[in-house]
Amino acid sequence: MVSDLSPSAFQLLNAWQHGFPLSSRPFRKLGLLLGLSEQTVLDYFRAWQTEGIISRIGPVLNPACMSSTLVGMQVPASEINALANWISALPAVNHNYEREHAINLWFVLTCADADERQATLSHIAQHTGLQPLSLPMHQAYHIDLGFSLAEHNKVASPLVNSRSLPTIGSPERRLLECALQGVELHAEPFKLWAEQTKMEEKQVLQQLQLFLDHGIFRRFGVVLRHRALGYSANAMCVWTVPDNRIDSFGEQLGKQSVITLCYRRRPHPPHWHHNLFCMIHGKDRLQVLAQHAALNASLGLDQFAHEVLFSTRCFKQRGALLASSQHD
């Protein structure tokens, strides 16, 4: 666990969630910065990947680049295992959780465009006989900026809400597809991407930096799995805030140190009225509830209807991919 790590190992896991070196020998560069050998750095990351502590090393795609939505479904308890497994098998689904609520299955659907997204939602409804509640994002206040393992050390970054992907079929698009799979844990990982895209390694590194500079990547670095690190008390906190006040509250909420994600989503009345969302990841359920209560009191959010939905099971967690979903 994190408390057992040496200072150098902790830095590898925590500090390089952002700013992973875009250089020919990135693991050697990290080692030089921390007084470790290249092989030791690779050994650390390989062990953490095997243990499920890290999901991958790579980019987090700006949600505005794709047609993405959060979907909630009310699934009978006797059917949730089978249905959740079927949902998780859809290529367009990258996160899928059971939460404590009548609407108990929540997943993120990421498609190439709005037409594909609607077709996938219709396919889900037809296959399951249940209504998927689609809650697309309207505004990001704090999202996919990393998960600091140091208390009260919130990562900040300017938010970009409108970006388009490179033209399909271009070398840049192929590089994007490689990057979203994650860096291979080899001494010269970017050479592999150069071979796959028929680009020079120097071009690969320059293009990855352009993806960052243009806001197509939210960040490039270590992507952690919260649960494997002991953060099992994870809650989606939601409020129903008037449209003329939600941005003010969302911006304040997104700055709080305990918040890992914060965004505005379109409600789906009459089944779902909440429009302000945030995530609190914690190791202790009572602590998360106390943090939620403190946010309510300090920001004045307790005047609005609100709920706390703790995650009970994670069925799927990976980064968004670019491939079109295929209906099974």
C-alpha atoms as a PDB file:
ATOM      1  CA  MET A   1       0.000   0.000   0.000  1.00  0.00           C
ATOM      2  CA  VAL A   2       0.943   3.653  -0.350  1.00  0.00           C
ATOM      3  CA  SER A   3       2.013   3.964   3.302  1.00  0.00           C
ATOM      4  CA  ASP A   4       4.592   1.217   2.749  1.00  0.00           C
ATOM      5  CA  LEU A   5       6.265   2.874  -0.235  1.00  0.00           C
ATOM      6  CA  SER A   6       9.674   4.487  -0.164  1.00  0.00           C
ATOM      7  CA  PRO A   7       9.698   8.237  -0.929  1.00  0.00           C
ATOM      8  CA  SER A   8      11.005   7.557  -4.439  1.00  0.00           C
ATOM      9  CA  ALA A   9       8.353   4.936  -5.173  1.00  0.00           C
ATOM     10  CA  PHE A  10       5.635   7.222  -3.805  1.00  0.00           C
ATOM     11  CA  GLN A  11       6.804   9.960  -6.179  1.00  0.00           C
ATOM     12  CA  LEU A  12       6.634   7.570  -9.133  1.00  0.00           C
ATOM     13  CA  LEU A  13       3.060   6.671  -8.317  1.00  0.00           C
ATOM     14  CA  ASN A  14       1.810  10.104  -7.314  1.00  0.00           C
ATOM     15  CA  ALA A  15       3.771  12.869  -9.041  1.00  0.00           C
ATOM     16  CA  TRP A  16       3.767  11.374 -12.536  1.00  0.00           C
ATOM     17  CA  GLN A  17       0.033  11.185 -12.941  1.00  0.00           C
ATOM     18  CA  HIS A  18       0.850  14.365 -14.886  1.00  0.00           C
ATOM     19  CA  GLY A  19       3.869  15.237 -16.955  1.00  0.00           C
ATOM     20  CA  PHE A  20       5.095  11.728 -17.731  1.00  0.00           C
ATOM     21  CA  PRO A  21       8.292  12.286 -19.775  1.00  0.00           C
ATOM     22  CA  LEU A  22       7.662  12.363 -23.511  1.00  0.00           C
ATOM     23  CA  SER A  23      11.191  11.275 -24.336  1.00  0.00           C
ATOM     24  CA  SER A  24      12.831   8.281 -25.956  1.00  0.00           C
ATOM     25  CA  ARG A  25      13.790   6.638 -22.627  1.00  0.00           C
ATOM     26  CA  PRO A  26      11.108   7.927 -20.213  1.00  0.00           C
ATOM     27  CA  PHE A  27      11.769   5.391 -17.448  1.00  0.00           C
ATOM     28  CA  ARG A  28      15.484   6.203 -17.433  1.00  0.00           C
ATOM     29  CA  LYS A  29      14.594   9.901 -17.147  1.00  0.00           C
ATOM     30  CA  LEU A  30      12.330   9.205 -14.176  1.00  0.00           C
ATOM     31  CA  GLY A  31      15.097   7.158 -12.578  1.00  0.00           C
ATOM     32  CA  LEU A  32      17.633   9.952 -12.988  1.00  0.00           C
ATOM     33  CA  LEU A  33      15.232  12.383 -11.321  1.00  0.00           C
ATOM     34  CA  LEU A  34      14.675  10.065  -8.345  1.00  0.00           C
ATOM     35  CA  GLY A  35      18.051   8.379  -7.970  1.00  0.00           C
ATOM     36  CA  LEU A  36      16.812   5.021  -9.291  1.00  0.00           C
ATOM     37  CA  SER A  37      17.963   2.830 -12.147  1.00  0.00           C
ATOM     38  CA  GLU A  38      15.856   2.512 -15.282  1.00  0.00           C
ATOM     39  CA  GLN A  39      15.285  -1.166 -14.486  1.00  0.00           C
ATOM     40  CA  THR A  40      14.110  -0.393 -10.951  1.00  0.00           C
ATOM     41  CA  VAL A  41      11.566   2.103 -12.276  1.00  0.00           C
ATOM     42  CA  LEU A  42      10.271  -0.439 -14.788  1.00  0.00           C
ATOM     43  CA  ASP A  43      10.101  -3.114 -12.086  1.00  0.00           C
ATOM     44  CA  TYR A  44       8.002  -0.837  -9.877  1.00  0.00           C
ATOM     45  CA  PHE A  45       5.520  -0.078 -12.648  1.00  0.00           C
ATOM     46  CA  ARG A  46       5.288  -3.713 -13.779  1.00  0.00           C
ATOM     47  CA  ALA A  47       4.577  -4.834 -10.211  1.00  0.00           C
ATOM     48  CA  TRP A  48       1.915  -2.135  -9.738  1.00  0.00           C
ATOM     49  CA  GLN A  49       0.274  -3.099 -13.018  1.00  0.00           C
ATOM     50  CA  THR A  50       0.232  -6.776 -12.002  1.00  0.00           C
ATOM     51  CA  GLU A  51      -1.243  -5.857  -8.601  1.00  0.00           C
ATOM     52  CA  GLY A  52      -3.913  -3.737 -10.283  1.00  0.00           C
ATOM     53  CA  ILE A  53      -2.749  -0.526  -8.612  1.00  0.00           C
ATOM     54  CA  ILE A  54      -2.276   1.230 -11.934  1.00  0.00           C
ATOM     55  CA  SER A  55      -4.615   0.915 -14.867  1.00  0.00           C
ATOM     56  CA  ARG A  56      -2.099   2.150 -17.425  1.00  0.00           C
ATOM     57  CA  ILE A  57       0.395   4.886 -18.210  1.00  0.00           C
ATOM     58  CA  GLY A  58      -1.042   7.078 -20.908  1.00  0.00           C
ATOM     59  CA  PRO A  59      -3.478   9.851 -21.709  1.00  0.00           C
ATOM     60  CA  VAL A  60      -6.869  10.714 -20.315  1.00  0.00           C
ATOM     61  CA  LEU A  61      -8.950  11.915 -23.243  1.00  0.00           C
ATOM     62  CA  ASN A  62     -10.867  15.172 -22.937  1.00  0.00           C
ATOM     63  CA  PRO A  63     -14.553  14.099 -22.782  1.00  0.00           C
ATOM     64  CA  ALA A  64     -15.428  16.956 -25.141  1.00  0.00           C
ATOM     65  CA  CYS A  65     -13.583  15.110 -27.921  1.00  0.00           C
ATOM     66  CA  MET A  66     -16.191  12.354 -28.032  1.00  0.00           C
ATOM     67  CA  SER A  67     -19.915  11.936 -27.587  1.00  0.00           C
ATOM     68  CA  SER A  68     -19.964  10.732 -23.993  1.00  0.00           C
ATOM     69  CA  THR A  69     -22.729  10.302 -21.441  1.00  0.00           C
ATOM     70  CA  LEU A  70     -23.304   8.879 -17.971  1.00  0.00           C
ATOM     71  CA  VAL A  71     -26.119   6.318 -17.993  1.00  0.00           C
ATOM     72  CA  GLY A  72     -28.182   5.128 -15.043  1.00  0.00           C
ATOM     73  CA  MET A  73     -30.470   2.091 -15.065  1.00  0.00           C
ATOM     74  CA  GLN A  74     -32.836   0.598 -12.516  1.00  0.00           C
ATOM     75  CA  VAL A  75     -32.086  -3.106 -12.677  1.00  0.00           C
ATOM     76  CA  PRO A  76     -33.836  -5.864 -10.669  1.00  0.00           C
ATOM     77  CA  ALA A  77     -31.409  -7.289  -8.095  1.00  0.00           C
ATOM     78  CA  SER A  78     -31.785 -10.791  -9.519  1.00  0.00           C
ATOM     79  CA  GLU A  79     -30.667  -9.598 -12.960  1.00  0.00           C
ATOM     80  CA  ILE A  80     -27.900  -7.155 -12.160  1.00  0.00           C
ATOM     81  CA  ASN A  81     -24.933  -9.536 -12.499  1.00  0.00           C
ATOM     82  CA  ALA A  82     -25.925 -10.812 -15.939  1.00  0.00           C
ATOM     83  CA  LEU A  83     -26.972  -7.412 -17.217  1.00  0.00           C
ATOM     84  CA  ALA A  84     -23.886  -5.643 -15.852  1.00  0.00           C
ATOM     85  CA  ASN A  85     -21.649  -8.200 -17.562  1.00  0.00           C
ATOM     86  CA  TRP A  86     -23.491  -7.681 -20.837  1.00  0.00           C
ATOM     87  CA  ILE A  87     -23.158  -3.900 -20.519  1.00  0.00           C
ATOM     88  CA  SER A  88     -19.455  -4.185 -19.697  1.00  0.00           C
ATOM     89  CA  ALA A  89     -18.881  -6.217 -22.862  1.00  0.00           C
ATOM     90  CA  LEU A  90     -20.025  -3.296 -25.039  1.00  0.00           C
ATOM     91  CA  PRO A  91     -16.885  -1.650 -26.507  1.00  0.00           C
ATOM     92  CA  ALA A  92     -18.349   1.833 -25.974  1.00  0.00           C
ATOM     93  CA  VAL A  93     -18.603   1.298 -22.192  1.00  0.00           C
ATOM     94  CA  ASN A  94     -15.464   2.220 -20.251  1.00  0.00           C
ATOM     95  CA  HIS A  95     -16.743   2.483 -16.642  1.00  0.00           C
ATOM     96  CA  ASN A  96     -19.512   0.407 -15.087  1.00  0.00           C
ATOM     97  CA  TYR A  97     -20.502   0.468 -11.389  1.00  0.00           C
ATOM     98  CA  GLU A  98     -23.248  -0.709  -9.078  1.00  0.00           C
ATOM     99  CA  ARG A  99     -24.333   2.045  -6.667  1.00  0.00           C
ATOM    100  CA  GLU A 100     -26.615   2.200  -3.631  1.00  0.00           C
ATOM    101  CA  HIS A 101     -29.808   3.607  -5.122  1.00  0.00           C
ATOM    102  CA  ALA A 102     -33.018   2.482  -6.807  1.00  0.00           C
ATOM    103  CA  ILE A 103     -31.188   3.446 -10.008  1.00  0.00           C
ATOM    104  CA  ASN A 104     -28.430   0.997  -9.237  1.00  0.00           C
ATOM    105  CA  LEU A 105     -26.329   0.483 -12.381  1.00  0.00           C
ATOM    106  CA  TRP A 106     -24.224   3.390 -13.647  1.00  0.00           C
ATOM    107  CA  PHE A 107     -21.928   3.326 -16.653  1.00  0.00           C
ATOM    108  CA  VAL A 108     -20.134   5.728 -18.976  1.00  0.00           C
ATOM    109  CA  LEU A 109     -20.850   5.408 -22.678  1.00  0.00           C
ATOM    110  CA  THR A 110     -18.302   6.964 -25.050  1.00  0.00           C
ATOM    111  CA  CYS A 111     -19.099   7.018 -28.763  1.00  0.00           C
ATOM    112  CA  ALA A 112     -17.744   8.691 -31.880  1.00  0.00           C
ATOM    113  CA  ASP A 113     -20.754  10.969 -32.329  1.00  0.00           C
ATOM    114  CA  ALA A 114     -24.295  11.673 -31.125  1.00  0.00           C
ATOM    115  CA  ASP A 115     -25.899   9.339 -33.679  1.00  0.00           C
ATOM    116  CA  GLU A 116     -23.788   6.390 -32.543  1.00  0.00           C
ATOM    117  CA  ARG A 117     -24.517   7.225 -28.919  1.00  0.00           C
ATOM    118  CA  GLN A 118     -28.259   7.250 -29.511  1.00  0.00           C
ATOM    119  CA  ALA A 119     -28.097   4.017 -31.491  1.00  0.00           C
ATOM    120  CA  THR A 120     -26.200   2.350 -28.634  1.00  0.00           C
ATOM    121  CA  LEU A 121     -28.733   3.587 -26.064  1.00  0.00           C
ATOM    122  CA  SER A 122     -31.569   2.242 -28.221  1.00  0.00           C
ATOM    123  CA  HIS A 123     -29.781  -1.090 -28.543  1.00  0.00           C
ATOM    124  CA  ILE A 124     -29.398  -1.306 -24.766  1.00  0.00           C
ATOM    125  CA  ALA A 125     -33.074  -0.507 -24.218  1.00  0.00           C
ATOM    126  CA  GLN A 126     -34.163  -3.079 -26.787  1.00  0.00           C
ATOM    127  CA  HIS A 127     -31.908  -5.821 -25.421  1.00  0.00           C
ATOM    128  CA  THR A 128     -32.674  -5.275 -21.735  1.00  0.00           C
ATOM    129  CA  GLY A 129     -36.275  -4.087 -21.831  1.00  0.00           C
ATOM    130  CA  LEU A 130     -35.208  -1.336 -19.396  1.00  0.00           C
ATOM    131  CA  GLN A 131     -34.929   2.416 -19.835  1.00  0.00           C
ATOM    132  CA  PRO A 132     -31.382   3.812 -19.853  1.00  0.00           C
ATOM    133  CA  LEU A 133     -31.315   7.326 -18.393  1.00  0.00           C
ATOM    134  CA  SER A 134     -28.766   9.285 -20.404  1.00  0.00           C
ATOM    135  CA  LEU A 135     -27.193  12.202 -18.506  1.00  0.00           C
ATOM    136  CA  PRO A 136     -24.703  13.934 -20.834  1.00  0.00           C
ATOM    137  CA  MET A 137     -22.221  16.418 -19.431  1.00  0.00           C
ATOM    138  CA  HIS A 138     -22.943  20.121 -19.883  1.00  0.00           C
ATOM    139  CA  GLN A 139     -20.025  21.611 -17.979  1.00  0.00           C
ATOM    140  CA  ALA A 140     -16.861  20.261 -16.358  1.00  0.00           C
ATOM    141  CA  TYR A 141     -15.737  22.032 -13.187  1.00  0.00           C
ATOM    142  CA  HIS A 142     -12.997  19.555 -12.234  1.00  0.00           C
ATOM    143  CA  ILE A 143     -12.496  16.317 -14.125  1.00  0.00           C
ATOM    144  CA  ASP A 144      -9.845  13.671 -14.904  1.00  0.00           C
ATOM    145  CA  LEU A 145      -6.983  15.663 -13.433  1.00  0.00           C
ATOM    146  CA  GLY A 146      -5.436  12.845 -11.441  1.00  0.00           C
ATOM    147  CA  PHE A 147      -5.874  11.523  -7.936  1.00  0.00           C
ATOM    148  CA  SER A 148      -3.444  12.982  -5.414  1.00  0.00           C
ATOM    149  CA  LEU A 149      -2.267  10.481  -2.805  1.00  0.00           C
ATOM    150  CA  ALA A 150      -1.121  13.356  -0.605  1.00  0.00           C
ATOM    151  CA  GLU A 151      -3.834  14.904   1.553  1.00  0.00           C
ATOM    152  CA  HIS A 152      -5.046  18.376   0.556  1.00  0.00           C
ATOM    153  CA  ASN A 153      -2.881  18.488  -2.542  1.00  0.00           C
ATOM    154  CA  LYS A 154      -5.445  19.085  -5.231  1.00  0.00           C
ATOM    155  CA  VAL A 155      -4.307  18.978  -8.837  1.00  0.00           C
ATOM    156  CA  ALA A 156      -5.501  21.981 -10.844  1.00  0.00           C
ATOM    157  CA  SER A 157      -5.626  22.493 -14.576  1.00  0.00           C
ATOM    158  CA  PRO A 158      -7.506  24.767 -16.957  1.00  0.00           C
ATOM    159  CA  LEU A 159     -10.665  23.121 -18.279  1.00  0.00           C
ATOM    160  CA  VAL A 160     -11.214  22.815 -22.010  1.00  0.00           C
ATOM    161  CA  ASN A 161     -14.755  22.015 -23.091  1.00  0.00           C
ATOM    162  CA  SER A 162     -14.600  21.894 -26.880  1.00  0.00           C
ATOM    163  CA  ARG A 163     -12.104  19.929 -28.925  1.00  0.00           C
ATOM    164  CA  SER A 164     -12.286  17.819 -32.065  1.00  0.00           C
ATOM    165  CA  LEU A 165     -10.342  14.680 -32.911  1.00  0.00           C
ATOM    166  CA  PRO A 166      -7.885  14.400 -35.802  1.00  0.00           C
ATOM    167  CA  THR A 167      -9.242  13.172 -39.104  1.00  0.00           C
ATOM    168  CA  ILE A 168     -10.060   9.441 -39.091  1.00  0.00           C
ATOM    169  CA  GLY A 169      -7.451   7.436 -40.948  1.00  0.00           C
ATOM    170  CA  SER A 170      -4.630   9.921 -40.414  1.00  0.00           C
ATOM    171  CA  PRO A 171      -1.343   8.899 -38.736  1.00  0.00           C
ATOM    172  CA  GLU A 172      -2.321  11.186 -35.857  1.00  0.00           C
ATOM    173  CA  ARG A 173      -5.568   9.288 -35.370  1.00  0.00           C
ATOM    174  CA  ARG A 174      -3.698   5.965 -35.350  1.00  0.00           C
ATOM    175  CA  LEU A 175      -1.287   7.379 -32.783  1.00  0.00           C
ATOM    176  CA  LEU A 176      -4.214   8.469 -30.630  1.00  0.00           C
ATOM    177  CA  GLU A 177      -5.603   4.943 -30.727  1.00  0.00           C
ATOM    178  CA  CYS A 178      -2.205   3.532 -29.687  1.00  0.00           C
ATOM    179  CA  ALA A 179      -1.844   6.044 -26.871  1.00  0.00           C
ATOM    180  CA  LEU A 180      -5.240   5.273 -25.376  1.00  0.00           C
ATOM    181  CA  GLN A 181      -4.181   1.638 -24.963  1.00  0.00           C
ATOM    182  CA  GLY A 182      -1.351   2.778 -22.676  1.00  0.00           C
ATOM    183  CA  VAL A 183       2.434   2.796 -22.753  1.00  0.00           C
ATOM    184  CA  GLU A 184       4.161  -0.574 -22.986  1.00  0.00           C
ATOM    185  CA  LEU A 185       6.453  -1.081 -20.015  1.00  0.00           C
ATOM    186  CA  HIS A 186       9.642  -1.250 -22.069  1.00  0.00           C
ATOM    187  CA  ALA A 187      12.738   0.931 -22.096  1.00  0.00           C
ATOM    188  CA  GLU A 188      11.792   2.624 -25.398  1.00  0.00           C
ATOM    189  CA  PRO A 189       7.992   2.436 -25.528  1.00  0.00           C
ATOM    190  CA  PHE A 190       7.430   5.224 -28.046  1.00  0.00           C
ATOM    191  CA  LYS A 191       9.413   3.363 -30.712  1.00  0.00           C
ATOM    192  CA  LEU A 192       6.637   0.767 -30.703  1.00  0.00           C
ATOM    193  CA  TRP A 193       4.072   3.460 -31.469  1.00  0.00           C
ATOM    194  CA  ALA A 194       6.314   4.854 -34.191  1.00  0.00           C
ATOM    195  CA  GLU A 195       6.394   1.431 -35.862  1.00  0.00           C
ATOM    196  CA  GLN A 196       2.622   1.005 -35.593  1.00  0.00           C
ATOM    197  CA  THR A 197       1.871   4.440 -37.045  1.00  0.00           C
ATOM    198  CA  LYS A 198       4.738   4.513 -39.589  1.00  0.00           C
ATOM    199  CA  MET A 199       5.973   7.744 -38.037  1.00  0.00           C
ATOM    200  CA  GLU A 200       9.412   8.698 -36.783  1.00  0.00           C
ATOM    201  CA  GLU A 201       9.801   8.470 -33.009  1.00  0.00           C
ATOM    202  CA  LYS A 202      10.532  12.209 -32.902  1.00  0.00           C
ATOM    203  CA  GLN A 203       7.223  12.867 -34.702  1.00  0.00           C
ATOM    204  CA  VAL A 204       5.386  10.633 -32.233  1.00  0.00           C
ATOM    205  CA  LEU A 205       6.726  12.562 -29.258  1.00  0.00           C
ATOM    206  CA  GLN A 206       5.967  15.924 -30.876  1.00  0.00           C
ATOM    207  CA  GLN A 207       2.413  14.874 -31.728  1.00  0.00           C
ATOM    208  CA  LEU A 208       1.735  13.605 -28.214  1.00  0.00           C
ATOM    209  CA  GLN A 209       2.826  16.990 -26.876  1.00  0.00           C
ATOM    210  CA  LEU A 210       0.493  18.690 -29.371  1.00  0.00           C
ATOM    211  CA  PHE A 211      -2.405  16.561 -28.120  1.00  0.00           C
ATOM    212  CA  LEU A 212      -1.648  17.901 -24.649  1.00  0.00           C
ATOM    213  CA  ASP A 213      -1.169  21.489 -25.784  1.00  0.00           C
ATOM    214  CA  HIS A 214      -4.435  21.494 -27.750  1.00  0.00           C
ATOM    215  CA  GLY A 215      -6.445  20.025 -24.877  1.00  0.00           C
ATOM    216  CA  ILE A 216      -7.252  16.717 -26.596  1.00  0.00           C
ATOM    217  CA  PHE A 217      -5.500  14.995 -23.676  1.00  0.00           C
ATOM    218  CA  ARG A 218      -6.531  16.130 -20.210  1.00  0.00           C
ATOM    219  CA  ARG A 219      -3.249  14.700 -18.952  1.00  0.00           C
ATOM    220  CA  PHE A 220      -0.628  12.083 -19.805  1.00  0.00           C
ATOM    221  CA  GLY A 221       0.710   9.946 -16.999  1.00  0.00           C
ATOM    222  CA  VAL A 222      -0.011   7.241 -14.463  1.00  0.00           C
ATOM    223  CA  VAL A 223      -3.705   6.308 -14.209  1.00  0.00           C
ATOM    224  CA  LEU A 224      -4.479   4.802 -10.790  1.00  0.00           C
ATOM    225  CA  ARG A 225      -7.111   2.330  -9.650  1.00  0.00           C
ATOM    226  CA  HIS A 226      -8.556   3.859  -6.490  1.00  0.00           C
ATOM    227  CA  ARG A 227      -9.954   0.642  -5.022  1.00  0.00           C
ATOM    228  CA  ALA A 228      -6.650  -1.211  -5.252  1.00  0.00           C
ATOM    229  CA  LEU A 229      -5.097   1.587  -3.208  1.00  0.00           C
ATOM    230  CA  GLY A 230      -7.659   1.154  -0.450  1.00  0.00           C
ATOM    231  CA  TYR A 231     -10.068   3.916  -1.517  1.00  0.00           C
ATOM    232  CA  SER A 232     -13.145   1.715  -1.392  1.00  0.00           C
ATOM    233  CA  ALA A 233     -15.636   4.230   0.087  1.00  0.00           C
ATOM    234  CA  ASN A 234     -16.347   6.014  -3.171  1.00  0.00           C
ATOM    235  CA  ALA A 235     -19.463   8.151  -3.449  1.00  0.00           C
ATOM    236  CA  MET A 236     -21.191   9.943  -6.300  1.00  0.00           C
ATOM    237  CA  CYS A 237     -22.748  13.011  -4.647  1.00  0.00           C
ATOM    238  CA  VAL A 238     -25.569  14.775  -6.483  1.00  0.00           C
ATOM    239  CA  TRP A 239     -27.685  17.907  -6.032  1.00  0.00           C
ATOM    240  CA  THR A 240     -30.595  19.582  -7.831  1.00  0.00           C
ATOM    241  CA  VAL A 241     -29.501  23.194  -8.279  1.00  0.00           C
ATOM    242  CA  PRO A 242     -31.410  25.930 -10.186  1.00  0.00           C
ATOM    243  CA  ASP A 243     -29.946  26.571 -13.638  1.00  0.00           C
ATOM    244  CA  ASN A 244     -29.166  30.205 -12.847  1.00  0.00           C
ATOM    245  CA  ARG A 245     -27.060  29.223  -9.827  1.00  0.00           C
ATOM    246  CA  ILE A 246     -25.446  25.937 -10.768  1.00  0.00           C
ATOM    247  CA  ASP A 247     -22.258  27.322 -12.343  1.00  0.00           C
ATOM    248  CA  SER A 248     -21.482  29.363  -9.238  1.00  0.00           C
ATOM    249  CA  PHE A 249     -21.924  26.353  -6.955  1.00  0.00           C
ATOM    250  CA  GLY A 250     -20.159  24.011  -9.382  1.00  0.00           C
ATOM    251  CA  GLU A 251     -17.089  26.213  -9.605  1.00  0.00           C
ATOM    252  CA  GLN A 252     -16.890  26.454  -5.808  1.00  0.00           C
ATOM    253  CA  LEU A 253     -17.421  22.711  -5.366  1.00  0.00           C
ATOM    254  CA  GLY A 254     -14.793  21.829  -7.963  1.00  0.00           C
ATOM    255  CA  LYS A 255     -12.122  23.708  -5.980  1.00  0.00           C
ATOM    256  CA  GLN A 256     -12.595  21.714  -2.775  1.00  0.00           C
ATOM    257  CA  SER A 257      -9.676  19.479  -1.804  1.00  0.00           C
ATOM    258  CA  VAL A 258     -11.806  16.382  -1.151  1.00  0.00           C
ATOM    259  CA  ILE A 259     -13.381  16.443  -4.619  1.00  0.00           C
ATOM    260  CA  THR A 260     -11.880  14.318  -7.377  1.00  0.00           C
ATOM    261  CA  LEU A 261     -14.482  14.990 -10.095  1.00  0.00           C
ATOM    262  CA  CYS A 262     -17.111  17.706 -10.448  1.00  0.00           C
ATOM    263  CA  TYR A 263     -19.452  18.430 -13.340  1.00  0.00           C
ATOM    264  CA  ARG A 264     -22.910  19.514 -14.475  1.00  0.00           C
ATOM    265  CA  ARG A 265     -25.095  16.980 -16.266  1.00  0.00           C
ATOM    266  CA  ARG A 266     -28.431  17.203 -17.996  1.00  0.00           C
ATOM    267  CA  PRO A 267     -31.214  15.757 -15.795  1.00  0.00           C
ATOM    268  CA  HIS A 268     -33.743  13.188 -17.024  1.00  0.00           C
ATOM    269  CA  PRO A 269     -37.123  14.048 -15.457  1.00  0.00           C
ATOM    270  CA  PRO A 270     -39.256  12.578 -14.083  1.00  0.00           C
ATOM    271  CA  HIS A 271     -36.833   9.762 -13.235  1.00  0.00           C
ATOM    272  CA  TRP A 272     -33.788  11.882 -12.334  1.00  0.00           C
ATOM    273  CA  HIS A 273     -33.723  15.569 -11.385  1.00  0.00           C
ATOM    274  CA  HIS A 274     -30.172  16.071 -10.091  1.00  0.00           C
ATOM    275  CA  ASN A 275     -27.837  18.148 -12.254  1.00  0.00           C
ATOM    276  CA  LEU A 276     -24.699  18.817 -10.137  1.00  0.00           C
ATOM    277  CA  PHE A 277     -22.379  15.848  -9.585  1.00  0.00           C
ATOM    278  CA  CYS A 278     -19.125  15.254  -7.768  1.00  0.00           C
ATOM    279  CA  MET A 279     -17.085  12.270  -6.620  1.00  0.00           C
ATOM    280  CA  ILE A 280     -15.518  11.818  -3.214  1.00  0.00           C
ATOM    281  CA  HIS A 281     -13.049   8.918  -2.972  1.00  0.00           C
ATOM    282  CA  GLY A 282     -12.243   7.786   0.549  1.00  0.00           C
ATOM    283  CA  LYS A 283     -11.068   4.854   2.612  1.00  0.00           C
ATOM    284  CA  ASP A 284     -13.798   5.184   5.226  1.00  0.00           C
ATOM    285  CA  ARG A 285     -17.543   5.530   4.618  1.00  0.00           C
ATOM    286  CA  LEU A 286     -18.167   7.679   7.708  1.00  0.00           C
ATOM    287  CA  GLN A 287     -15.370  10.022   6.696  1.00  0.00           C
ATOM    288  CA  VAL A 288     -16.858  10.458   3.215  1.00  0.00           C
ATOM    289  CA  LEU A 289     -20.269  11.214   4.726  1.00  0.00           C
ATOM    290  CA  ALA A 290     -18.667  13.744   7.069  1.00  0.00           C
ATOM    291  CA  GLN A 291     -16.872  15.385   4.135  1.00  0.00           C
ATOM    292  CA  HIS A 292     -20.135  15.547   2.198  1.00  0.00           C
ATOM    293  CA  ALA A 293     -21.922  17.126   5.170  1.00  0.00           C
ATOM    294  CA  ALA A 294     -19.115  19.668   5.552  1.00  0.00           C
ATOM    295  CA  LEU A 295     -19.377  20.612   1.873  1.00  0.00           C
ATOM    296  CA  ASN A 296     -23.132  21.029   2.221  1.00  0.00           C
ATOM    297  CA  ALA A 297     -22.741  23.302   5.212  1.00  0.00           C
ATOM    298  CA  SER A 298     -19.784  25.385   4.040  1.00  0.00           C
ATOM    299  CA  LEU A 299     -21.032  25.996   0.492  1.00  0.00           C
ATOM    300  CA  GLY A 300     -24.737  26.236   1.280  1.00  0.00           C
ATOM    301  CA  LEU A 301     -25.575  23.194  -0.812  1.00  0.00           C
ATOM    302  CA  ASP A 302     -27.760  21.738   1.941  1.00  0.00           C
ATOM    303  CA  GLN A 303     -30.603  23.991   0.757  1.00  0.00           C
ATOM    304  CA  PHE A 304     -30.995  21.832  -2.357  1.00  0.00           C
ATOM    305  CA  ALA A 305     -32.276  18.278  -2.777  1.00  0.00           C
ATOM    306  CA  HIS A 306     -29.276  15.952  -2.627  1.00  0.00           C
ATOM    307  CA  GLU A 307     -28.245  12.306  -2.384  1.00  0.00           C
ATOM    308  CA  VAL A 308     -25.089  10.260  -1.803  1.00  0.00           C
ATOM    309  CA  LEU A 309     -24.663   7.123  -3.947  1.00  0.00           C
ATOM    310  CA  PHE A 310     -21.871   4.867  -2.697  1.00  0.00           C
ATOM    311  CA  SER A 311     -20.324   2.451  -5.181  1.00  0.00           C
ATOM    312  CA  THR A 312     -20.709  -1.175  -4.155  1.00  0.00           C
ATOM    313  CA  ARG A 313     -19.129  -3.004  -7.095  1.00  0.00           C
ATOM    314  CA  CYS A 314     -16.924  -2.085 -10.036  1.00  0.00           C
ATOM    315  CA  PHE A 315     -17.720  -4.173 -13.101  1.00  0.00           C
ATOM    316  CA  LYS A 316     -15.446  -2.346 -15.546  1.00  0.00           C
ATOM    317  CA  GLN A 317     -12.891   0.451 -15.449  1.00  0.00           C
ATOM    318  CA  ARG A 318     -10.665   1.476 -18.328  1.00  0.00           C
ATOM    319  CA  GLY A 319      -9.904   4.527 -20.427  1.00  0.00           C
ATOM    320  CA  ALA A 320     -12.147   5.584 -23.293  1.00  0.00           C
ATOM    321  CA  LEU A 321     -11.303   4.095 -26.689  1.00  0.00           C
ATOM    322  CA  LEU A 322     -11.987   5.482 -30.142  1.00  0.00           C
ATOM    323  CA  ALA A 323     -13.304   2.366 -31.845  1.00  0.00           C
ATOM    324  CA  SER A 324     -16.976   2.482 -32.729  1.00  0.00           C
ATOM    325  CA  SER A 325     -19.199   0.312 -30.575  1.00  0.00           C
ATOM    326  CA  GLN A 326     -20.463  -2.890 -32.083  1.00  0.00           C
ATOM    327  CA  HIS A 327     -23.861  -4.099 -30.993  1.00  0.00           C
ATOM    328  CA  ASP A 328     -23.768  -7.719 -29.805  1.00  0.00           C
END
